[in-house]
Amino acid sequence: MIEAKGLSKSYGSVHALRGLDLEVQPGGIYCLLGANGAGKTTTLNLFLGFIQPTNGAASIAGHVVHVDPVAARRQVAYIPETVMLYGMLSGVENLDYFAKLSGCTHDQAALRGFLQRAGLNPTAHDRPLKTYSKGMRQKVGVAIALARNARALLLDEPTSGLDPKASNEFSELIAGMARDGAAILMATHDLFRARETGTHIGIMRDGVLRAEFVASEIDHGTLENEYLKIMKED
């Protein structure tokens, strides 16, 4: 569902991403770990078609993003660190607007159903977004993905700044989407959430994917040691 083959991005002599090979199958949650500048956000931007690859290709559901970006974007939803929504509109109004932007029209009952599935309390559905916490805004982002029936989900530091309860709730939401068949690629600094939520984990440094693990086959301590070892490599 989400695939990179030899994916590279350079800016002159600066290599932001070097020969990335990566796959995320339906039902999988692939967590990309790495320090700032490791290439995580560059990877997501290439899958979203925000930037063009220097070499290789990023594909969503078989559509090569830089060849057919419109077809690829129909299959994907994106939740950044801060979900950009309209503060003066309510949760249900934001959901209706962004669903229609992607060509999906739903009645009020369905819209509220998506918000509830995303964990947003019904008492908040008609409140302006400017009154929402970050965790509540992230839930609207998840509802947008549900309303679009997105087959692939790209997340960029989605739990950054969330308290432990909100972070856990968000992790449970994306795990539920994966169980329903979505393929999820998440860039994160959170080793704990990567191990708890992910099915696969990759560690990036200097634009290179240095190591990959099956989450169920590595414990927290070993993952932390491997991460620190890679960060200290010359």
C-alpha atoms as a PDB file:
ATOM      1  CA  MET A   1       0.000   0.000   0.000  1.00  0.00           C
ATOM      2  CA  ILE A   2       2.871   2.402   0.853  1.00  0.00           C
ATOM      3  CA  GLU A   3       6.154   1.714  -0.919  1.00  0.00           C
ATOM      4  CA  ALA A   4       9.480   3.440  -1.521  1.00  0.00           C
ATOM      5  CA  LYS A   5      11.998   2.086  -4.026  1.00  0.00           C
ATOM      6  CA  GLY A   6      15.446   3.664  -4.132  1.00  0.00           C
ATOM      7  CA  LEU A   7      13.833   6.903  -2.955  1.00  0.00           C
ATOM      8  CA  SER A   8      16.313   9.787  -2.764  1.00  0.00           C
ATOM      9  CA  LYS A   9      16.170  13.548  -2.397  1.00  0.00           C
ATOM     10  CA  SER A  10      19.103  15.927  -2.725  1.00  0.00           C
ATOM     11  CA  TYR A  11      19.391  19.686  -2.528  1.00  0.00           C
ATOM     12  CA  GLY A  12      22.629  20.381  -4.355  1.00  0.00           C
ATOM     13  CA  SER A  13      25.345  18.651  -2.329  1.00  0.00           C
ATOM     14  CA  VAL A  14      23.004  18.017   0.623  1.00  0.00           C
ATOM     15  CA  HIS A  15      21.491  14.510   0.613  1.00  0.00           C
ATOM     16  CA  ALA A  16      18.272  14.645   2.621  1.00  0.00           C
ATOM     17  CA  LEU A  17      17.289  11.065   1.737  1.00  0.00           C
ATOM     18  CA  ARG A  18      19.447   8.323   0.245  1.00  0.00           C
ATOM     19  CA  GLY A  19      18.106   5.218  -1.503  1.00  0.00           C
ATOM     20  CA  LEU A  20      15.189   4.434   0.796  1.00  0.00           C
ATOM     21  CA  ASP A  21      13.475   1.057   0.341  1.00  0.00           C
ATOM     22  CA  LEU A  22      10.401   0.668   2.509  1.00  0.00           C
ATOM     23  CA  GLU A  23       7.041  -1.126   2.483  1.00  0.00           C
ATOM     24  CA  VAL A  24       3.894  -0.805   4.574  1.00  0.00           C
ATOM     25  CA  GLN A  25       1.208  -3.408   3.986  1.00  0.00           C
ATOM     26  CA  PRO A  26      -2.513  -2.971   4.775  1.00  0.00           C
ATOM     27  CA  GLY A  27      -2.896  -3.389   8.528  1.00  0.00           C
ATOM     28  CA  GLY A  28       0.692  -2.341   9.180  1.00  0.00           C
ATOM     29  CA  ILE A  29       1.965   0.578  11.257  1.00  0.00           C
ATOM     30  CA  TYR A  30       5.526   1.481  10.303  1.00  0.00           C
ATOM     31  CA  CYS A  31       7.204   3.871  12.756  1.00  0.00           C
ATOM     32  CA  LEU A  32      10.182   5.886  11.503  1.00  0.00           C
ATOM     33  CA  LEU A  33      12.498   6.934  14.314  1.00  0.00           C
ATOM     34  CA  GLY A  34      15.378   9.386  14.089  1.00  0.00           C
ATOM     35  CA  ALA A  35      16.713  12.711  15.251  1.00  0.00           C
ATOM     36  CA  ASN A  36      15.768  15.998  13.596  1.00  0.00           C
ATOM     37  CA  GLY A  37      17.250  16.068  10.103  1.00  0.00           C
ATOM     38  CA  ALA A  38      17.319  12.279   9.788  1.00  0.00           C
ATOM     39  CA  GLY A  39      15.048  12.313   6.719  1.00  0.00           C
ATOM     40  CA  LYS A  40      11.700  11.365   8.268  1.00  0.00           C
ATOM     41  CA  THR A  41       9.737  14.431   7.190  1.00  0.00           C
ATOM     42  CA  THR A  42      11.428  14.423   3.780  1.00  0.00           C
ATOM     43  CA  THR A  43      10.149  10.865   3.346  1.00  0.00           C
ATOM     44  CA  LEU A  44       6.583  11.881   4.187  1.00  0.00           C
ATOM     45  CA  ASN A  45       6.767  14.927   1.914  1.00  0.00           C
ATOM     46  CA  LEU A  46       7.827  12.705  -0.988  1.00  0.00           C
ATOM     47  CA  PHE A  47       4.883  10.363  -0.378  1.00  0.00           C
ATOM     48  CA  LEU A  48       2.563  13.375  -0.233  1.00  0.00           C
ATOM     49  CA  GLY A  49       3.947  14.832  -3.453  1.00  0.00           C
ATOM     50  CA  PHE A  50       4.983  18.066  -1.751  1.00  0.00           C
ATOM     51  CA  ILE A  51       8.482  17.642  -3.202  1.00  0.00           C
ATOM     52  CA  GLN A  52       9.859  15.692  -6.171  1.00  0.00           C
ATOM     53  CA  PRO A  53      12.358  12.838  -5.772  1.00  0.00           C
ATOM     54  CA  THR A  54      15.866  13.127  -7.144  1.00  0.00           C
ATOM     55  CA  ASN A  55      15.893   9.375  -7.774  1.00  0.00           C
ATOM     56  CA  GLY A  56      13.601   6.434  -7.132  1.00  0.00           C
ATOM     57  CA  ALA A  57       9.878   6.475  -6.527  1.00  0.00           C
ATOM     58  CA  ALA A  58       7.270   6.709  -3.787  1.00  0.00           C
ATOM     59  CA  SER A  59       4.006   4.836  -4.419  1.00  0.00           C
ATOM     60  CA  ILE A  60       0.596   4.781  -2.742  1.00  0.00           C
ATOM     61  CA  ALA A  61      -1.719   1.874  -3.631  1.00  0.00           C
ATOM     62  CA  GLY A  62       0.307   1.279  -6.785  1.00  0.00           C
ATOM     63  CA  HIS A  63       0.221   4.916  -7.939  1.00  0.00           C
ATOM     64  CA  VAL A  64       3.665   6.501  -8.329  1.00  0.00           C
ATOM     65  CA  VAL A  65       3.291   9.824  -6.556  1.00  0.00           C
ATOM     66  CA  HIS A  66       5.428  11.997  -8.834  1.00  0.00           C
ATOM     67  CA  VAL A  67       3.838  10.458 -11.956  1.00  0.00           C
ATOM     68  CA  ASP A  68       0.164  10.533 -10.894  1.00  0.00           C
ATOM     69  CA  PRO A  69      -0.119  12.653  -7.731  1.00  0.00           C
ATOM     70  CA  VAL A  70      -3.898  13.081  -7.962  1.00  0.00           C
ATOM     71  CA  ALA A  71      -4.574   9.331  -7.962  1.00  0.00           C
ATOM     72  CA  ALA A  72      -2.101   8.804  -5.110  1.00  0.00           C
ATOM     73  CA  ARG A  73      -3.632  11.563  -2.964  1.00  0.00           C
ATOM     74  CA  ARG A  74      -7.099  10.053  -3.309  1.00  0.00           C
ATOM     75  CA  GLN A  75      -5.840   7.070  -1.318  1.00  0.00           C
ATOM     76  CA  VAL A  76      -4.023   8.901   1.480  1.00  0.00           C
ATOM     77  CA  ALA A  77      -4.772  11.081   4.500  1.00  0.00           C
ATOM     78  CA  TYR A  78      -2.163  13.179   6.284  1.00  0.00           C
ATOM     79  CA  ILE A  79      -2.057  14.158   9.949  1.00  0.00           C
ATOM     80  CA  PRO A  80       0.800  16.567  10.741  1.00  0.00           C
ATOM     81  CA  GLU A  81       2.131  17.515  14.164  1.00  0.00           C
ATOM     82  CA  THR A  82      -0.419  20.333  14.259  1.00  0.00           C
ATOM     83  CA  VAL A  83      -3.641  19.650  12.356  1.00  0.00           C
ATOM     84  CA  MET A  84      -4.560  22.772  10.391  1.00  0.00           C
ATOM     85  CA  LEU A  85      -8.269  23.390  10.848  1.00  0.00           C
ATOM     86  CA  TYR A  86     -10.551  26.440  10.904  1.00  0.00           C
ATOM     87  CA  GLY A  87     -10.885  27.787  14.430  1.00  0.00           C
ATOM     88  CA  MET A  88     -14.200  29.579  13.839  1.00  0.00           C
ATOM     89  CA  LEU A  89     -15.872  26.427  12.476  1.00  0.00           C
ATOM     90  CA  SER A  90     -17.121  23.606  14.675  1.00  0.00           C
ATOM     91  CA  GLY A  91     -15.735  20.087  14.634  1.00  0.00           C
ATOM     92  CA  VAL A  92     -18.547  18.809  12.437  1.00  0.00           C
ATOM     93  CA  GLU A  93     -18.279  21.821  10.099  1.00  0.00           C
ATOM     94  CA  ASN A  94     -14.529  21.296   9.667  1.00  0.00           C
ATOM     95  CA  LEU A  95     -15.093  17.610   8.974  1.00  0.00           C
ATOM     96  CA  ASP A  96     -17.826  18.367   6.418  1.00  0.00           C
ATOM     97  CA  TYR A  97     -15.620  20.934   4.659  1.00  0.00           C
ATOM     98  CA  PHE A  98     -12.484  18.806   4.411  1.00  0.00           C
ATOM     99  CA  ALA A  99     -14.431  15.687   3.415  1.00  0.00           C
ATOM    100  CA  LYS A 100     -16.078  17.611   0.572  1.00  0.00           C
ATOM    101  CA  LEU A 101     -12.688  18.962  -0.543  1.00  0.00           C
ATOM    102  CA  SER A 102     -11.669  15.358  -1.222  1.00  0.00           C
ATOM    103  CA  GLY A 103     -14.930  14.626  -3.060  1.00  0.00           C
ATOM    104  CA  CYS A 104     -16.732  12.854  -0.192  1.00  0.00           C
ATOM    105  CA  THR A 105     -20.189  13.999   0.879  1.00  0.00           C
ATOM    106  CA  HIS A 106     -21.835  12.720   4.063  1.00  0.00           C
ATOM    107  CA  ASP A 107     -25.009  13.628   5.928  1.00  0.00           C
ATOM    108  CA  GLN A 108     -24.917  15.048   9.452  1.00  0.00           C
ATOM    109  CA  ALA A 109     -25.474  11.686  11.124  1.00  0.00           C
ATOM    110  CA  ALA A 110     -22.550  10.140   9.268  1.00  0.00           C
ATOM    111  CA  LEU A 111     -20.263  13.093  10.042  1.00  0.00           C
ATOM    112  CA  ARG A 112     -21.045  12.868  13.739  1.00  0.00           C
ATOM    113  CA  GLY A 113     -20.529   9.121  13.561  1.00  0.00           C
ATOM    114  CA  PHE A 114     -16.998   9.625  12.207  1.00  0.00           C
ATOM    115  CA  LEU A 115     -16.228  12.091  15.000  1.00  0.00           C
ATOM    116  CA  GLN A 116     -17.469   9.628  17.603  1.00  0.00           C
ATOM    117  CA  ARG A 117     -15.442   6.805  16.063  1.00  0.00           C
ATOM    118  CA  ALA A 118     -12.422   9.102  16.320  1.00  0.00           C
ATOM    119  CA  GLY A 119     -13.113   9.483  20.033  1.00  0.00           C
ATOM    120  CA  LEU A 120     -14.427  13.057  20.064  1.00  0.00           C
ATOM    121  CA  ASN A 121     -17.096  13.548  22.711  1.00  0.00           C
ATOM    122  CA  PRO A 122     -20.454  14.534  21.154  1.00  0.00           C
ATOM    123  CA  THR A 123     -20.603  17.591  23.434  1.00  0.00           C
ATOM    124  CA  ALA A 124     -17.666  19.018  21.429  1.00  0.00           C
ATOM    125  CA  HIS A 125     -19.035  18.390  17.927  1.00  0.00           C
ATOM    126  CA  ASP A 126     -20.670  21.818  17.637  1.00  0.00           C
ATOM    127  CA  ARG A 127     -18.068  23.832  19.526  1.00  0.00           C
ATOM    128  CA  PRO A 128     -15.622  26.061  17.610  1.00  0.00           C
ATOM    129  CA  LEU A 129     -12.245  24.435  16.942  1.00  0.00           C
ATOM    130  CA  LYS A 130     -10.498  27.321  18.677  1.00  0.00           C
ATOM    131  CA  THR A 131     -11.785  25.860  21.977  1.00  0.00           C
ATOM    132  CA  TYR A 132     -10.277  22.401  21.286  1.00  0.00           C
ATOM    133  CA  SER A 133      -7.155  20.950  22.859  1.00  0.00           C
ATOM    134  CA  LYS A 134      -4.454  19.550  20.588  1.00  0.00           C
ATOM    135  CA  GLY A 135      -5.646  16.024  21.303  1.00  0.00           C
ATOM    136  CA  MET A 136      -9.174  16.931  20.243  1.00  0.00           C
ATOM    137  CA  ARG A 137      -7.882  18.496  17.029  1.00  0.00           C
ATOM    138  CA  GLN A 138      -5.956  15.301  16.272  1.00  0.00           C
ATOM    139  CA  LYS A 139      -9.199  13.368  16.662  1.00  0.00           C
ATOM    140  CA  VAL A 140     -10.831  15.582  14.035  1.00  0.00           C
ATOM    141  CA  GLY A 141      -7.866  14.747  11.792  1.00  0.00           C
ATOM    142  CA  VAL A 142      -8.560  11.046  12.319  1.00  0.00           C
ATOM    143  CA  ALA A 143     -12.264  11.640  11.572  1.00  0.00           C
ATOM    144  CA  ILE A 144     -11.299  13.295   8.285  1.00  0.00           C
ATOM    145  CA  ALA A 145      -9.287  10.203   7.360  1.00  0.00           C
ATOM    146  CA  LEU A 146     -12.278   8.007   8.240  1.00  0.00           C
ATOM    147  CA  ALA A 147     -14.673  10.177   6.231  1.00  0.00           C
ATOM    148  CA  ARG A 148     -12.373   9.940   3.213  1.00  0.00           C
ATOM    149  CA  ASN A 149     -12.050   6.161   3.652  1.00  0.00           C
ATOM    150  CA  ALA A 150      -8.299   6.637   3.323  1.00  0.00           C
ATOM    151  CA  ARG A 151      -6.407   3.420   2.592  1.00  0.00           C
ATOM    152  CA  ALA A 152      -3.078   4.946   3.637  1.00  0.00           C
ATOM    153  CA  LEU A 153      -2.315   7.296   6.510  1.00  0.00           C
ATOM    154  CA  LEU A 154       0.809   9.440   6.863  1.00  0.00           C
ATOM    155  CA  LEU A 155       1.559  10.877  10.313  1.00  0.00           C
ATOM    156  CA  ASP A 156       4.255  13.386  11.239  1.00  0.00           C
ATOM    157  CA  GLU A 157       4.950  13.500  15.006  1.00  0.00           C
ATOM    158  CA  PRO A 158       1.214  13.174  15.780  1.00  0.00           C
ATOM    159  CA  THR A 159       1.671  12.644  19.540  1.00  0.00           C
ATOM    160  CA  SER A 160       4.169  15.474  20.070  1.00  0.00           C
ATOM    161  CA  GLY A 161       2.894  17.767  22.818  1.00  0.00           C
ATOM    162  CA  LEU A 162       0.075  15.451  23.882  1.00  0.00           C
ATOM    163  CA  ASP A 163      -0.278  14.410  27.511  1.00  0.00           C
ATOM    164  CA  PRO A 164       0.093  10.659  28.220  1.00  0.00           C
ATOM    165  CA  LYS A 165      -3.672  10.040  28.240  1.00  0.00           C
ATOM    166  CA  ALA A 166      -4.246  11.822  24.917  1.00  0.00           C
ATOM    167  CA  SER A 167      -1.190  10.136  23.404  1.00  0.00           C
ATOM    168  CA  ASN A 168      -2.494   6.725  24.427  1.00  0.00           C
ATOM    169  CA  GLU A 169      -5.964   7.493  23.050  1.00  0.00           C
ATOM    170  CA  PHE A 170      -4.463   8.576  19.721  1.00  0.00           C
ATOM    171  CA  SER A 171      -2.326   5.434  19.528  1.00  0.00           C
ATOM    172  CA  GLU A 172      -5.425   3.299  20.126  1.00  0.00           C
ATOM    173  CA  LEU A 173      -7.251   5.143  17.345  1.00  0.00           C
ATOM    174  CA  ILE A 174      -4.586   4.505  14.721  1.00  0.00           C
ATOM    175  CA  ALA A 175      -4.226   0.896  15.864  1.00  0.00           C
ATOM    176  CA  GLY A 176      -7.958   0.515  15.237  1.00  0.00           C
ATOM    177  CA  MET A 177      -7.597   1.989  11.748  1.00  0.00           C
ATOM    178  CA  ALA A 178      -4.805  -0.474  11.015  1.00  0.00           C
ATOM    179  CA  ARG A 179      -7.006  -3.362  12.174  1.00  0.00           C
ATOM    180  CA  ASP A 180      -9.597  -2.111   9.684  1.00  0.00           C
ATOM    181  CA  GLY A 181      -7.024  -2.436   6.897  1.00  0.00           C
ATOM    182  CA  ALA A 182      -5.306   0.944   6.642  1.00  0.00           C
ATOM    183  CA  ALA A 183      -1.551   1.132   6.046  1.00  0.00           C
ATOM    184  CA  ILE A 184       0.098   3.682   8.340  1.00  0.00           C
ATOM    185  CA  LEU A 185       3.510   5.354   8.118  1.00  0.00           C
ATOM    186  CA  MET A 186       4.383   7.469  11.153  1.00  0.00           C
ATOM    187  CA  ALA A 187       7.428   9.657  11.758  1.00  0.00           C
ATOM    188  CA  THR A 188       8.069   9.990  15.477  1.00  0.00           C
ATOM    189  CA  HIS A 189      10.640  10.641  18.189  1.00  0.00           C
ATOM    190  CA  ASP A 190       8.713   8.519  20.678  1.00  0.00           C
ATOM    191  CA  LEU A 191      10.461   5.149  21.074  1.00  0.00           C
ATOM    192  CA  PHE A 192       7.877   3.959  23.575  1.00  0.00           C
ATOM    193  CA  ARG A 193       4.905   4.633  21.285  1.00  0.00           C
ATOM    194  CA  ALA A 194       6.762   3.156  18.319  1.00  0.00           C
ATOM    195  CA  ARG A 195       7.299  -0.098  20.212  1.00  0.00           C
ATOM    196  CA  GLU A 196       3.783  -0.172  21.689  1.00  0.00           C
ATOM    197  CA  THR A 197       1.833   0.849  18.585  1.00  0.00           C
ATOM    198  CA  GLY A 198       3.961  -0.062  15.579  1.00  0.00           C
ATOM    199  CA  THR A 199       4.137  -3.363  13.757  1.00  0.00           C
ATOM    200  CA  HIS A 200       7.481  -2.396  12.213  1.00  0.00           C
ATOM    201  CA  ILE A 201      10.124   0.121  13.257  1.00  0.00           C
ATOM    202  CA  GLY A 202      12.847   1.797  11.213  1.00  0.00           C
ATOM    203  CA  ILE A 203      15.689   3.949  12.507  1.00  0.00           C
ATOM    204  CA  MET A 204      16.987   6.712  10.229  1.00  0.00           C
ATOM    205  CA  ARG A 205      20.109   8.806  10.397  1.00  0.00           C
ATOM    206  CA  ASP A 206      21.544  11.247   7.848  1.00  0.00           C
ATOM    207  CA  GLY A 207      18.938  10.306   5.252  1.00  0.00           C
ATOM    208  CA  VAL A 208      19.647   6.584   5.467  1.00  0.00           C
ATOM    209  CA  LEU A 209      17.460   3.844   6.918  1.00  0.00           C
ATOM    210  CA  ARG A 210      20.051   2.250   9.214  1.00  0.00           C
ATOM    211  CA  ALA A 211      17.984  -0.524  10.828  1.00  0.00           C
ATOM    212  CA  GLU A 212      14.557  -2.172  10.717  1.00  0.00           C
ATOM    213  CA  PHE A 213      12.785  -4.282  13.316  1.00  0.00           C
ATOM    214  CA  VAL A 214       9.542  -6.182  13.749  1.00  0.00           C
ATOM    215  CA  ALA A 215       8.086  -4.491  16.823  1.00  0.00           C
ATOM    216  CA  SER A 216       6.897  -7.705  18.449  1.00  0.00           C
ATOM    217  CA  GLU A 217      10.413  -9.147  18.227  1.00  0.00           C
ATOM    218  CA  ILE A 218      12.264  -6.394  20.091  1.00  0.00           C
ATOM    219  CA  ASP A 219      11.798  -5.155  23.652  1.00  0.00           C
ATOM    220  CA  HIS A 220      11.947  -1.539  24.819  1.00  0.00           C
ATOM    221  CA  GLY A 221      15.433  -1.788  26.259  1.00  0.00           C
ATOM    222  CA  THR A 222      16.928  -3.352  23.145  1.00  0.00           C
ATOM    223  CA  LEU A 223      15.227  -0.814  20.898  1.00  0.00           C
ATOM    224  CA  GLU A 224      16.595   2.050  22.966  1.00  0.00           C
ATOM    225  CA  ASN A 225      20.094   0.576  22.894  1.00  0.00           C
ATOM    226  CA  GLU A 226      19.961   0.077  19.124  1.00  0.00           C
ATOM    227  CA  TYR A 227      18.701   3.617  18.623  1.00  0.00           C
ATOM    228  CA  LEU A 228      21.447   5.139  20.778  1.00  0.00           C
ATOM    229  CA  LYS A 229      24.098   3.027  19.062  1.00  0.00           C
ATOM    230  CA  ILE A 230      23.017   4.280  15.635  1.00  0.00           C
ATOM    231  CA  MET A 231      22.910   7.894  16.841  1.00  0.00           C
ATOM    232  CA  LYS A 232      26.525   7.565  18.071  1.00  0.00           C
ATOM    233  CA  GLU A 233      27.937   5.974  14.919  1.00  0.00           C
ATOM    234  CA  ASP A 234      30.689   7.884  13.149  1.00  0.00           C
END
